[in-house]
Amino acid sequence: MAPPGGDLDDPILGDLLVDTGLQELLTAGVAESQRLAVEYRRLAGFWRQLEFPQGGDPSGADEYEAETLAVALALRCTRATAYHRINDAHRALTGLPCCFARLASGEFPCEWFQRLLRRTRHLTATDLTALDQSIATWPLGQLTVEQYRRRLSHALTRITAQRQTPAQHTPEGRRRVDLLPVGEDGIGCLQVIGPIPEILTLAQRLDASARAIQHAQRHALGAGEPPPLDPDGTVTTHGKPLSLARLRYELLTGASLDTDGVKVPRQRFRLAVTVPALTLLGASEEPGTLDGTIPIPAVMARELAGQCETWHRVLTDPATGAFLPLPAKTYRPTTRMLEHLRLRHATCAVPGCTRPSSWAAECDHIQEYDHTDPTRGGLTEIDNLHLLCWMHHRLKTAGLIDPARHTSTPSRPGVTAWEIHARAKIAVQDDTDLATPTTVAELTTAWQTFERDREQRALRAHHNQPTTPDQQRPPPPEDPPF
């Protein structure tokens, strides 16, 4: 049986059909496209048209945000991902009906269709319709992925060239710097987007500066002088200049930011590096954590800790890793309480939100504080506080999201029950220190092994009693295994 959009004489798919395994992969791809179409139909039902009044927030934005959070819970994804998937689903059904029909039949590969949605988010309804009608004539079954991408880029370029592009979607309007999702092994990535002439100019300036410094480093090494821009002594240690890529990085990270006289507020939180005590001592390779969310290797954690003049002790329960609470005293939480809350929730406490709690979070009482009679409830205590981003703090105030704190004990992680838009409910456990249980288990095992070995040595010594006074002297005490 030929796949949709192709036949046995298809120059692209014909050879694949000979192999049973490849045929099964092709059939699975068709089923995946059909499943994606079903999902889009369901997601499109959650889309809402927002109205933007003059000089105010869009009408219905809070309700839409709450409903988006409920969808995120159902999809088990972040709030931002759910938002884009709802909007993509709506555009797929209303703006690309011809392409969507081919997706529903299994003819349009999932990855191809999702690329189409990503590349067309800035198009108007008219342009989207024109593109949809154009793609409807493409022989998808006879195209390679490279050919499809070239056709799509060409079609988009033709459309945008014939229309007046909105200011926010021009190369100048898309100027931005983004922190991309953090990868593994303590690696991060900063992305700079802008008009190609400006990006090329920046790249050329960085490259020229890096080459000049590299030349100066090479000259300094030859003359036996201290090399320039050698912050960690790599040039001196290895006797060769840094690579151009590394020099560009050092220039960027060491640059001062010109704010044109605007005063930058002091950071609310420190950039926290949480390191287990045994990792600091070199007795464990348990990873540390940067800013509460980013795991970093033990070597990097020790290096960062060694560069700090002040360390702050964080107490956790040895069995669960729960952060031990601090007492309540006033309406406004203390700095130490805020630090504890940031450890307990490194991101906004609302499930599905990934906004860091250390950047623009607002402290909120789960049970409202009674200013008239504080003894009636709503105390400023750790178990009644959490950090929310400004948007979800507003939604909680409006009653669109409703948290309730479960009764907890100091040694166990707390739990907050959330009701989202009266449509979805979920109970979320507080973040814990993931290193504590592992470290304590390793420590316990090491101690038990040490005790067992000591008992066995004592038994052997008892059966082999010494006969001379020198042999009767007790051996020196042994150090524990850590």
Protein backbone atom coordinates (compact mmCIF):
# COMPACT_ATOMS: atom_id res chain seq x y z
CA MET A 1 0.00 0.00 0.00
CA ALA A 2 1.43 3.36 -1.00
CA PRO A 3 1.64 6.16 1.54
CA PRO A 4 -0.57 9.23 1.05
CA GLY A 5 0.85 11.53 -1.60
CA GLY A 6 3.11 8.85 -3.16
CA ASP A 7 3.07 5.55 -5.00
CA LEU A 8 5.33 2.58 -5.63
CA ASP A 9 7.12 4.49 -8.38
CA ASP A 10 7.82 7.44 -6.09
CA PRO A 11 11.56 8.30 -6.53
CA ILE A 12 11.88 9.23 -2.83
CA LEU A 13 9.82 6.54 -1.10
CA GLY A 14 9.95 3.69 -3.59
CA ASP A 15 13.11 2.03 -2.24
CA LEU A 16 11.96 2.41 1.35
CA LEU A 17 8.87 0.29 0.75
CA VAL A 18 11.03 -2.75 -0.02
CA ASP A 19 12.25 -2.93 3.57
CA THR A 20 9.62 -3.99 6.12
CA GLY A 21 11.20 -2.06 8.98
CA LEU A 22 11.32 1.17 6.99
CA GLN A 23 7.74 0.63 5.84
CA GLU A 24 6.71 0.36 9.50
CA LEU A 25 8.50 3.63 10.28
CA LEU A 26 6.72 5.30 7.37
CA THR A 27 3.35 3.98 8.56
CA ALA A 28 4.09 5.16 12.11
CA GLY A 29 4.85 8.64 10.74
CA VAL A 30 1.46 8.72 9.02
CA ALA A 31 -0.26 7.76 12.29
CA GLU A 32 1.72 10.41 14.16
CA SER A 33 0.52 13.11 11.76
CA GLN A 34 -3.07 11.97 12.25
CA ARG A 35 -2.69 12.05 16.03
CA LEU A 36 -1.25 15.57 15.85
CA ALA A 37 -4.27 16.71 13.85
CA VAL A 38 -6.60 15.31 16.53
CA GLU A 39 -4.62 17.13 19.22
CA TYR A 40 -4.80 20.42 17.30
CA ARG A 41 -8.57 20.12 17.00
CA ARG A 42 -8.84 19.76 20.77
CA LEU A 43 -6.37 22.52 21.56
CA ALA A 44 -8.03 24.98 19.17
CA GLY A 45 -11.13 24.86 21.38
CA PHE A 46 -9.17 26.66 24.13
CA TRP A 47 -8.21 29.62 21.94
CA ARG A 48 -9.76 32.97 22.80
CA GLN A 49 -9.86 36.27 20.90
CA LEU A 50 -8.45 39.02 23.11
CA GLU A 51 -9.58 42.62 22.67
CA PHE A 52 -7.07 45.40 23.25
CA PRO A 53 -8.73 48.55 24.64
CA GLN A 54 -7.01 51.92 24.23
CA GLY A 55 -4.17 52.24 26.75
CA GLY A 56 -5.13 49.23 28.86
CA ASP A 57 -4.56 45.53 29.33
CA PRO A 58 -6.31 43.22 26.86
CA SER A 59 -9.81 42.26 27.96
CA GLY A 60 -10.03 38.68 29.17
CA ALA A 61 -6.25 38.25 29.41
CA ASP A 62 -6.34 36.94 32.98
CA GLU A 63 -9.02 34.34 32.17
CA TYR A 64 -7.05 33.25 29.11
CA GLU A 65 -3.88 32.93 31.20
CA ALA A 66 -5.67 30.80 33.79
CA GLU A 67 -7.10 28.55 31.09
CA THR A 68 -3.64 28.25 29.52
CA LEU A 69 -2.27 27.06 32.88
CA ALA A 70 -5.00 24.40 33.01
CA VAL A 71 -4.04 23.20 29.51
CA ALA A 72 -0.37 23.10 30.57
CA LEU A 73 -1.29 20.78 33.44
CA ALA A 74 -3.14 18.46 31.06
CA LEU A 75 -0.26 18.39 28.56
CA ARG A 76 2.36 18.20 31.35
CA CYS A 77 4.30 21.04 29.77
CA THR A 78 5.21 24.60 30.71
CA ARG A 79 2.79 27.48 30.49
CA ALA A 80 4.74 29.07 27.60
CA THR A 81 4.66 25.81 25.60
CA ALA A 82 0.91 25.44 26.16
CA TYR A 83 0.32 29.04 25.03
CA HIS A 84 2.16 28.50 21.75
CA ARG A 85 0.50 25.14 21.11
CA ILE A 86 -2.99 26.62 21.59
CA ASN A 87 -2.23 29.49 19.21
CA ASP A 88 -0.59 27.17 16.69
CA ALA A 89 -3.60 24.87 16.79
CA HIS A 90 -5.95 27.77 16.10
CA ARG A 91 -3.86 28.97 13.15
CA ALA A 92 -3.59 25.44 11.80
CA LEU A 93 -7.36 25.02 11.64
CA THR A 94 -8.40 28.52 10.60
CA GLY A 95 -5.43 29.86 8.65
CA LEU A 96 -4.04 26.69 7.02
CA PRO A 97 -7.12 24.53 6.31
CA CYS A 98 -5.65 22.89 3.18
CA CYS A 99 -2.38 21.99 4.87
CA PHE A 100 -4.28 20.82 7.95
CA ALA A 101 -6.39 18.48 5.84
CA ARG A 102 -3.20 16.91 4.47
CA LEU A 103 -1.88 16.58 8.04
CA ALA A 104 -5.10 14.85 9.13
CA SER A 105 -4.78 12.40 6.24
CA GLY A 106 -1.22 11.58 7.31
CA GLU A 107 0.34 13.08 4.19
CA PHE A 108 2.00 16.06 5.91
CA PRO A 109 4.89 14.95 8.21
CA CYS A 110 4.61 16.30 11.75
CA GLU A 111 8.02 17.98 11.78
CA TRP A 112 7.28 19.69 8.46
CA PHE A 113 3.92 20.98 9.65
CA GLN A 114 5.31 22.25 12.96
CA ARG A 115 8.09 24.08 11.10
CA LEU A 116 5.41 25.66 8.94
CA LEU A 117 3.59 26.90 12.04
CA ARG A 118 6.77 28.30 13.60
CA ARG A 119 7.79 30.14 10.45
CA THR A 120 4.36 31.72 9.91
CA ARG A 121 3.58 33.14 13.35
CA HIS A 122 4.14 36.69 12.08
CA LEU A 123 1.95 36.43 8.94
CA THR A 124 -1.41 38.14 8.58
CA ALA A 125 -4.55 36.10 7.90
CA THR A 126 -4.46 37.10 4.22
CA ASP A 127 -0.84 36.04 3.78
CA LEU A 128 -1.49 32.80 5.65
CA THR A 129 -4.34 31.93 3.29
CA ALA A 130 -2.18 32.63 0.24
CA LEU A 131 0.61 30.42 1.58
CA ASP A 132 -1.85 27.65 2.45
CA GLN A 133 -3.23 27.59 -1.09
CA SER A 134 0.30 27.53 -2.51
CA ILE A 135 1.48 24.62 -0.35
CA ALA A 136 -1.70 22.71 -1.17
CA THR A 137 -0.27 22.12 -4.68
CA TRP A 138 3.12 20.81 -3.55
CA PRO A 139 3.81 17.09 -4.11
CA LEU A 140 4.85 16.44 -0.51
CA GLY A 141 5.39 12.72 -1.08
CA GLN A 142 8.04 13.47 -3.71
CA LEU A 143 9.99 16.12 -1.77
CA THR A 144 13.02 15.61 0.43
CA VAL A 145 13.19 17.52 3.69
CA GLU A 146 15.79 19.88 2.17
CA GLN A 147 13.56 20.60 -0.81
CA TYR A 148 10.57 21.27 1.43
CA ARG A 149 12.51 23.70 3.59
CA ARG A 150 13.86 25.57 0.54
CA ARG A 151 10.37 25.82 -0.96
CA LEU A 152 8.94 27.09 2.31
CA SER A 153 11.67 29.72 2.74
CA HIS A 154 11.23 30.86 -0.86
CA ALA A 155 7.45 31.13 -0.51
CA LEU A 156 7.75 33.10 2.74
CA THR A 157 10.29 35.48 1.21
CA ARG A 158 7.99 36.16 -1.74
CA ILE A 159 5.02 36.88 0.51
CA THR A 160 6.86 39.18 2.90
CA ALA A 161 8.48 41.06 0.00
CA GLN A 162 5.03 41.90 -1.40
CA ARG A 163 3.55 43.04 1.92
CA GLN A 164 4.36 45.73 4.46
CA THR A 165 5.86 43.87 7.39
CA PRO A 166 4.70 45.02 10.86
CA ALA A 167 7.41 46.92 12.71
CA GLN A 168 7.78 44.27 15.42
CA HIS A 169 8.50 41.59 12.79
CA THR A 170 11.13 43.47 10.79
CA PRO A 171 14.80 42.63 11.41
CA GLU A 172 15.08 45.90 13.36
CA GLY A 173 11.99 45.12 15.41
CA ARG A 174 13.26 41.65 16.33
CA ARG A 175 16.39 42.91 18.12
CA ARG A 176 16.76 40.86 21.29
CA VAL A 177 19.05 38.85 23.54
CA ASP A 178 17.65 35.59 24.95
CA LEU A 179 18.91 33.09 27.48
CA LEU A 180 18.21 29.77 25.80
CA PRO A 181 17.03 26.73 27.80
CA VAL A 182 19.91 25.47 29.91
CA GLY A 183 21.60 22.34 28.64
CA GLU A 184 23.47 19.69 30.57
CA ASP A 185 26.78 19.71 32.46
CA GLY A 186 26.56 23.35 33.55
CA ILE A 187 26.53 24.80 30.00
CA GLY A 188 24.39 27.85 29.12
CA CYS A 189 23.78 29.76 25.89
CA LEU A 190 23.00 33.42 25.24
CA GLN A 191 21.45 34.19 21.84
CA VAL A 192 21.73 37.59 20.12
CA ILE A 193 19.22 38.31 17.34
CA GLY A 194 19.08 41.41 15.16
CA PRO A 195 19.52 42.83 11.64
CA ILE A 196 22.31 40.97 9.88
CA PRO A 197 24.43 44.10 9.24
CA GLU A 198 24.49 44.89 12.96
CA ILE A 199 25.20 41.28 13.96
CA LEU A 200 28.01 41.02 11.39
CA THR A 201 29.47 44.33 12.60
CA LEU A 202 29.40 43.09 16.20
CA ALA A 203 31.00 39.81 15.16
CA GLN A 204 33.72 41.63 13.22
CA ARG A 205 34.46 43.98 16.14
CA LEU A 206 34.72 41.03 18.52
CA ASP A 207 36.91 39.11 16.10
CA ALA A 208 39.24 42.07 15.48
CA SER A 209 39.60 42.68 19.21
CA ALA A 210 40.20 38.99 19.89
CA ARG A 211 42.87 38.79 17.18
CA ALA A 212 44.64 41.87 18.57
CA ILE A 213 44.68 40.38 22.08
CA GLN A 214 45.81 37.00 20.78
CA HIS A 215 48.70 38.71 18.98
CA ALA A 216 49.59 40.59 22.18
CA GLN A 217 49.49 37.35 24.19
CA ARG A 218 51.77 35.63 21.71
CA HIS A 219 54.22 38.58 21.87
CA ALA A 220 54.13 38.63 25.70
CA LEU A 221 54.89 34.92 25.91
CA GLY A 222 57.86 35.34 23.59
CA ALA A 223 59.19 38.26 25.63
CA GLY A 224 58.62 36.58 28.99
CA GLU A 225 56.09 39.23 30.07
CA PRO A 226 52.65 38.78 31.74
CA PRO A 227 50.09 38.17 28.97
CA PRO A 228 46.99 40.41 28.72
CA LEU A 229 43.45 39.11 29.35
CA ASP A 230 44.49 35.96 31.18
CA PRO A 231 41.95 35.88 34.06
CA ASP A 232 42.48 32.27 35.15
CA GLY A 233 46.16 31.93 34.20
CA THR A 234 45.52 29.55 31.29
CA VAL A 235 47.90 31.40 28.95
CA THR A 236 50.72 31.45 31.51
CA THR A 237 50.20 27.82 32.53
CA HIS A 238 50.09 26.33 29.02
CA GLY A 239 52.44 28.78 27.34
CA LYS A 240 50.17 29.52 24.39
CA PRO A 241 47.56 32.20 23.63
CA LEU A 242 43.83 31.61 24.06
CA SER A 243 41.72 30.64 21.06
CA LEU A 244 39.80 33.37 19.26
CA ALA A 245 36.50 31.83 20.39
CA ARG A 246 37.58 31.94 24.04
CA LEU A 247 38.85 35.52 23.70
CA ARG A 248 35.54 36.65 22.20
CA TYR A 249 33.80 35.09 25.21
CA GLU A 250 36.14 36.84 27.69
CA LEU A 251 35.53 40.18 25.98
CA LEU A 252 31.75 39.80 26.12
CA THR A 253 31.51 38.56 29.71
CA GLY A 254 33.94 41.21 30.93
CA ALA A 255 32.28 44.14 29.17
CA SER A 256 30.68 46.88 31.27
CA LEU A 257 27.04 47.72 30.49
CA ASP A 258 26.40 51.39 29.62
CA THR A 259 22.93 52.25 30.99
CA ASP A 260 23.14 55.93 29.93
CA GLY A 261 22.86 57.23 33.48
CA VAL A 262 19.92 55.01 34.49
CA LYS A 263 20.42 53.62 37.99
CA VAL A 264 20.11 49.82 38.10
CA PRO A 265 18.42 48.56 41.29
CA ARG A 266 20.42 46.29 43.53
CA GLN A 267 19.67 42.63 42.93
CA ARG A 268 17.05 41.25 45.31
CA PHE A 269 18.83 37.91 45.64
CA ARG A 270 22.36 36.69 45.40
CA LEU A 271 23.25 34.31 42.58
CA ALA A 272 23.07 31.23 44.78
CA VAL A 273 25.36 28.25 44.32
CA THR A 274 24.19 25.39 46.54
CA VAL A 275 26.99 22.90 47.25
CA PRO A 276 26.79 19.85 49.56
CA ALA A 277 29.31 20.03 52.40
CA LEU A 278 30.98 16.74 51.41
CA THR A 279 31.36 18.01 47.85
CA LEU A 280 33.18 21.06 49.20
CA LEU A 281 35.50 18.77 51.16
CA GLY A 282 36.23 16.70 48.06
CA ALA A 283 34.76 13.60 49.72
CA SER A 284 31.82 13.41 47.29
CA GLU A 285 31.14 14.18 43.62
CA GLU A 286 27.47 15.02 44.23
CA PRO A 287 26.65 17.93 41.87
CA GLY A 288 25.84 21.43 43.08
CA THR A 289 22.98 23.67 41.93
CA LEU A 290 23.14 27.15 40.39
CA ASP A 291 20.23 29.50 41.08
CA GLY A 292 18.12 26.60 42.31
CA THR A 293 17.43 25.06 38.91
CA ILE A 294 20.68 24.38 37.07
CA PRO A 295 22.77 21.34 38.08
CA ILE A 296 26.53 21.91 37.85
CA PRO A 297 29.39 19.40 38.15
CA ALA A 298 31.11 19.03 41.51
CA VAL A 299 34.38 20.45 40.15
CA MET A 300 32.61 23.62 38.97
CA ALA A 301 30.72 23.93 42.27
CA ARG A 302 33.95 23.74 44.28
CA GLU A 303 35.61 26.31 42.01
CA LEU A 304 32.71 28.77 42.39
CA ALA A 305 32.61 28.25 46.16
CA GLY A 306 36.34 28.87 46.38
CA GLN A 307 35.90 32.27 44.72
CA CYS A 308 33.40 33.46 47.38
CA GLU A 309 34.48 35.26 50.54
CA THR A 310 31.24 34.49 52.41
CA TRP A 311 29.32 31.21 52.63
CA HIS A 312 25.74 30.90 53.86
CA ARG A 313 24.65 27.72 55.62
CA VAL A 314 21.40 26.10 54.42
CA LEU A 315 19.85 23.48 56.71
CA THR A 316 17.96 20.56 55.19
CA ASP A 317 16.29 17.47 56.57
CA PRO A 318 18.80 14.58 56.23
CA ALA A 319 16.20 12.08 54.99
CA THR A 320 14.04 14.14 52.62
CA GLY A 321 16.19 17.14 51.69
CA ALA A 322 13.36 19.49 52.75
CA PHE A 323 14.59 22.98 53.57
CA LEU A 324 14.03 23.62 57.28
CA PRO A 325 11.68 26.58 57.93
CA LEU A 326 12.29 29.87 59.68
CA PRO A 327 9.98 31.45 62.30
CA ALA A 328 7.27 34.06 61.55
CA LYS A 329 7.63 37.52 63.09
CA THR A 330 6.22 40.36 60.94
CA TYR A 331 4.00 41.03 57.93
CA ARG A 332 6.95 41.64 55.65
CA PRO A 333 9.15 38.56 55.25
CA THR A 334 12.77 38.93 56.26
CA THR A 335 15.63 38.61 53.80
CA ARG A 336 16.44 35.17 55.22
CA MET A 337 12.84 34.06 54.68
CA LEU A 338 12.92 35.26 51.06
CA GLU A 339 16.13 33.31 50.52
CA HIS A 340 14.44 30.21 51.96
CA LEU A 341 11.42 30.66 49.66
CA ARG A 342 13.69 30.94 46.65
CA LEU A 343 15.35 27.66 47.60
CA ARG A 344 11.94 26.03 48.04
CA HIS A 345 10.72 27.26 44.63
CA ALA A 346 13.42 28.27 42.17
CA THR A 347 10.71 29.31 39.70
CA CYS A 348 7.28 30.90 40.16
CA ALA A 349 5.34 28.55 42.46
CA VAL A 350 2.43 28.22 39.98
CA PRO A 351 2.70 24.83 38.24
CA GLY A 352 3.70 25.23 34.60
CA CYS A 353 5.39 28.62 35.01
CA THR A 354 9.15 28.74 34.43
CA ARG A 355 9.85 32.38 35.28
CA PRO A 356 12.79 32.42 37.77
CA SER A 357 11.77 33.48 41.27
CA SER A 358 15.07 35.32 41.71
CA TRP A 359 14.45 37.90 38.98
CA ALA A 360 11.02 39.51 39.23
CA ALA A 361 9.06 37.51 41.78
CA GLU A 362 6.60 38.90 44.34
CA CYS A 363 6.15 37.40 47.80
CA ASP A 364 2.54 36.36 48.42
CA HIS A 365 0.61 35.11 51.45
CA ILE A 366 -1.18 31.88 50.51
CA GLN A 367 -3.79 32.60 53.19
CA GLU A 368 -4.32 36.35 53.20
CA TYR A 369 -2.73 38.26 56.08
CA ASP A 370 -5.24 39.80 58.48
CA HIS A 371 -3.85 43.28 59.18
CA THR A 372 -6.53 43.92 61.82
CA ASP A 373 -5.92 40.77 63.83
CA PRO A 374 -2.83 38.80 62.68
CA THR A 375 -3.59 36.02 65.17
CA ARG A 376 -6.64 35.01 63.14
CA GLY A 377 -4.50 33.51 60.38
CA GLY A 378 -2.49 34.37 57.33
CA LEU A 379 0.74 34.68 59.30
CA THR A 380 4.00 35.70 57.67
CA GLU A 381 5.58 32.30 58.08
CA ILE A 382 7.41 30.10 55.65
CA ASP A 383 4.55 27.63 55.32
CA ASN A 384 2.14 30.41 54.33
CA LEU A 385 4.36 32.17 51.79
CA HIS A 386 5.48 31.57 48.22
CA LEU A 387 7.04 33.55 45.39
CA LEU A 388 4.90 34.28 42.31
CA CYS A 389 5.71 36.10 39.10
CA TRP A 390 3.80 39.38 38.66
CA MET A 391 1.31 37.87 36.21
CA HIS A 392 0.30 34.92 38.37
CA HIS A 393 0.24 37.07 41.51
CA ARG A 394 -2.39 39.13 39.71
CA LEU A 395 -4.33 35.99 38.75
CA LYS A 396 -4.33 34.79 42.35
CA THR A 397 -5.61 38.17 43.54
CA ALA A 398 -8.40 37.93 40.95
CA GLY A 399 -9.34 34.45 42.18
CA LEU A 400 -8.53 32.70 38.90
CA ILE A 401 -5.95 30.49 40.59
CA ASP A 402 -6.46 29.36 44.16
CA PRO A 403 -3.67 27.74 46.23
CA ALA A 404 -4.22 25.95 49.53
CA ARG A 405 -1.35 24.83 51.72
CA HIS A 406 -1.49 21.32 53.19
CA THR A 407 -0.53 20.80 56.81
CA SER A 408 3.18 19.93 56.90
CA THR A 409 5.96 19.09 59.33
CA PRO A 410 9.44 20.65 59.39
CA SER A 411 11.13 17.45 58.24
CA ARG A 412 8.89 16.76 55.23
CA PRO A 413 8.57 18.77 52.00
CA GLY A 414 5.45 20.91 52.02
CA VAL A 415 2.61 20.46 49.54
CA THR A 416 0.43 23.13 47.92
CA ALA A 417 -2.87 22.23 46.25
CA TRP A 418 -3.71 24.39 43.23
CA GLU A 419 -7.08 24.94 41.58
CA ILE A 420 -6.63 26.52 38.14
CA HIS A 421 -9.58 28.41 36.70
CA ALA A 422 -11.94 26.03 38.53
CA ARG A 423 -11.15 23.45 35.82
CA ALA A 424 -7.96 21.71 36.90
CA LYS A 425 -6.56 20.66 40.26
CA ILE A 426 -3.08 19.48 41.16
CA ALA A 427 -1.02 19.04 44.33
CA VAL A 428 2.61 20.16 44.02
CA GLN A 429 5.38 19.22 46.43
CA ASP A 430 8.00 21.83 47.36
CA ASP A 431 11.42 21.61 45.79
CA THR A 432 14.02 19.87 47.92
CA ASP A 433 17.78 19.63 47.99
CA LEU A 434 18.35 16.60 45.76
CA ALA A 435 21.89 16.07 47.00
CA THR A 436 21.05 15.60 50.70
CA PRO A 437 19.40 12.11 50.63
CA THR A 438 22.14 10.75 48.35
CA THR A 439 24.95 12.23 50.43
CA VAL A 440 23.45 11.00 53.70
CA ALA A 441 22.97 7.49 52.25
CA GLU A 442 26.61 7.39 51.08
CA LEU A 443 27.77 8.67 54.47
CA THR A 444 25.68 6.08 56.32
CA THR A 445 26.97 3.23 54.14
CA ALA A 446 30.58 4.33 54.64
CA TRP A 447 30.12 4.49 58.41
CA GLN A 448 28.44 1.09 58.58
CA THR A 449 31.28 -0.42 56.55
CA PHE A 450 33.84 1.19 58.86
CA GLU A 451 32.05 -0.11 61.97
CA ARG A 452 31.76 -3.61 60.53
CA ASP A 453 35.46 -3.72 59.63
CA ARG A 454 36.43 -2.46 63.07
CA GLU A 455 34.35 -5.17 64.77
CA GLN A 456 35.96 -7.85 62.60
CA ARG A 457 39.44 -6.57 63.43
CA ALA A 458 38.56 -6.60 67.14
CA LEU A 459 37.40 -10.22 66.89
CA ARG A 460 40.59 -11.26 65.11
CA ALA A 461 42.69 -9.47 67.72
CA HIS A 462 40.76 -11.22 70.51
CA HIS A 463 41.58 -14.65 69.06
CA ASN A 464 45.26 -13.74 68.63
CA GLN A 465 46.24 -12.42 72.09
CA PRO A 466 49.82 -11.06 72.22
CA THR A 467 52.36 -12.70 74.56
CA THR A 468 54.99 -9.92 75.00
CA PRO A 469 54.49 -6.51 76.71
CA ASP A 470 55.33 -4.65 73.49
CA GLN A 471 52.64 -6.55 71.62
CA GLN A 472 50.06 -5.63 74.29
CA ARG A 473 50.19 -1.90 73.53
CA PRO A 474 46.88 -0.74 72.00
CA PRO A 475 47.02 0.37 68.35
CA PRO A 476 46.56 4.08 67.59
CA PRO A 477 42.93 5.15 66.97
CA GLU A 478 41.71 5.00 63.36
CA ASP A 479 40.18 7.91 61.50
CA PRO A 480 36.59 7.53 60.28
CA PRO A 481 36.12 6.97 56.52
CA PHE A 482 35.27 10.60 55.74
